[in-house]
Amino acid sequence: MNDFTIQNNTESPQRITPADKRASQTESTSFGQMLKDSIEEVSRLQQESGESIQNLVAGKQTDIHQTMIAMEKSSVAFELLMQTRNKTIEAYEKIMRTPV
């Protein structure tokens, strides 16, 4: 049986001031930047997948498993991006239907 211990942290919690909140907000990335980064990542994964397929067909690579993994990574990333887009559009449309 595994034993575990619980550590009690008796230090007082740090107080967060409004200046700290503003600093953390400026350090965080915007939704637009996160979306841009996601699009770039999906594009990179699709390029890797395409290169892996070309290498397999050309005989430069013999491991079909790595090619399939690259294809699935690309596919899953693209599906996630599309679902994010759909939910964003849905939220925008819902906001636009809200009476003023």
Protein backbone atom coordinates (compact mmCIF):
# COMPACT_ATOMS: atom_id res chain seq x y z
CA MET A 1 0.00 0.00 0.00
CA ASN A 2 1.31 3.46 -0.85
CA ASP A 3 1.61 5.97 1.97
CA PHE A 4 1.08 9.62 1.31
CA THR A 5 1.39 12.73 3.39
CA ILE A 6 -0.49 15.98 3.28
CA GLN A 7 1.57 19.08 3.75
CA ASN A 8 -0.08 21.95 5.54
CA ASN A 9 0.90 25.29 4.10
CA THR A 10 0.61 27.76 6.97
CA GLU A 11 1.97 30.74 5.06
CA SER A 12 -0.47 33.58 4.61
CA PRO A 13 -1.80 33.96 1.09
CA GLN A 14 -0.36 36.75 -0.97
CA ARG A 15 -2.63 39.71 -1.50
CA ILE A 16 -3.25 40.65 -5.10
CA THR A 17 -3.47 44.35 -5.75
CA PRO A 18 -5.16 45.98 -8.75
CA ALA A 19 -1.71 46.82 -10.13
CA ASP A 20 -0.82 43.11 -10.00
CA LYS A 21 -4.01 42.27 -11.87
CA ARG A 22 -3.22 44.77 -14.62
CA ALA A 23 0.32 43.40 -14.93
CA SER A 24 -0.93 39.83 -15.27
CA GLN A 25 -3.51 40.89 -17.86
CA THR A 26 -0.89 42.58 -20.02
CA GLU A 27 1.34 39.52 -19.79
CA SER A 28 -1.43 37.15 -20.85
CA THR A 29 -2.04 36.58 -24.52
CA SER A 30 -5.17 37.80 -26.22
CA PHE A 31 -7.74 35.49 -27.76
CA GLY A 32 -6.72 36.72 -31.20
CA GLN A 33 -3.07 35.86 -30.55
CA MET A 34 -4.01 32.42 -29.22
CA LEU A 35 -6.12 31.82 -32.32
CA LYS A 36 -3.28 32.96 -34.58
CA ASP A 37 -0.83 30.64 -32.77
CA SER A 38 -3.28 27.75 -33.11
CA ILE A 39 -3.65 28.34 -36.86
CA GLU A 40 0.13 28.41 -37.26
CA GLU A 41 0.46 25.17 -35.26
CA VAL A 42 -2.18 23.42 -37.38
CA SER A 43 -0.43 24.62 -40.52
CA ARG A 44 2.91 23.31 -39.23
CA LEU A 45 1.39 19.92 -38.38
CA GLN A 46 -0.21 19.68 -41.84
CA GLN A 47 3.13 20.47 -43.49
CA GLU A 48 4.87 17.81 -41.40
CA SER A 49 2.17 15.33 -42.33
CA GLY A 50 2.54 16.14 -46.03
CA GLU A 51 6.32 15.81 -45.86
CA SER A 52 6.01 12.49 -44.04
CA ILE A 53 3.64 11.18 -46.72
CA GLN A 54 5.99 12.32 -49.49
CA ASN A 55 8.95 10.69 -47.77
CA LEU A 56 7.01 7.44 -47.39
CA VAL A 57 5.99 7.43 -51.06
CA ALA A 58 9.52 8.30 -52.20
CA GLY A 59 10.99 5.51 -50.09
CA LYS A 60 13.01 7.86 -47.89
CA GLN A 61 11.00 6.71 -44.89
CA THR A 62 9.88 3.14 -44.27
CA ASP A 63 8.02 3.56 -40.97
CA ILE A 64 4.35 3.84 -41.89
CA HIS A 65 3.44 4.23 -38.21
CA GLN A 66 5.21 7.57 -37.95
CA THR A 67 3.39 8.75 -41.07
CA MET A 68 0.03 7.69 -39.67
CA ILE A 69 0.78 9.40 -36.35
CA ALA A 70 1.69 12.63 -38.17
CA MET A 71 -1.52 12.42 -40.19
CA GLU A 72 -3.66 11.87 -37.09
CA LYS A 73 -1.98 14.73 -35.20
CA SER A 74 -2.74 17.00 -38.13
CA SER A 75 -6.31 15.78 -38.38
CA VAL A 76 -7.06 16.15 -34.66
CA ALA A 77 -5.50 19.62 -34.52
CA PHE A 78 -7.55 20.72 -37.53
CA GLU A 79 -10.77 19.34 -36.02
CA LEU A 80 -10.08 21.18 -32.76
CA LEU A 81 -9.46 24.41 -34.65
CA MET A 82 -12.70 23.99 -36.61
CA GLN A 83 -14.68 23.33 -33.42
CA THR A 84 -13.16 26.44 -31.84
CA ARG A 85 -14.14 28.46 -34.90
CA ASN A 86 -17.68 27.07 -34.84
CA LYS A 87 -18.14 27.81 -31.14
CA THR A 88 -16.76 31.32 -31.59
CA ILE A 89 -19.15 32.05 -34.43
CA GLU A 90 -22.02 30.56 -32.46
CA ALA A 91 -21.20 32.77 -29.46
CA TYR A 92 -20.93 35.85 -31.70
CA GLU A 93 -24.31 35.12 -33.28
CA LYS A 94 -25.87 34.61 -29.87
CA ILE A 95 -24.50 37.95 -28.68
CA MET A 96 -25.80 39.67 -31.82
CA ARG A 97 -29.31 38.26 -31.18
CA THR A 98 -29.33 39.66 -27.64
CA PRO A 99 -31.76 42.59 -27.41
CA VAL A 100 -30.25 45.89 -26.39
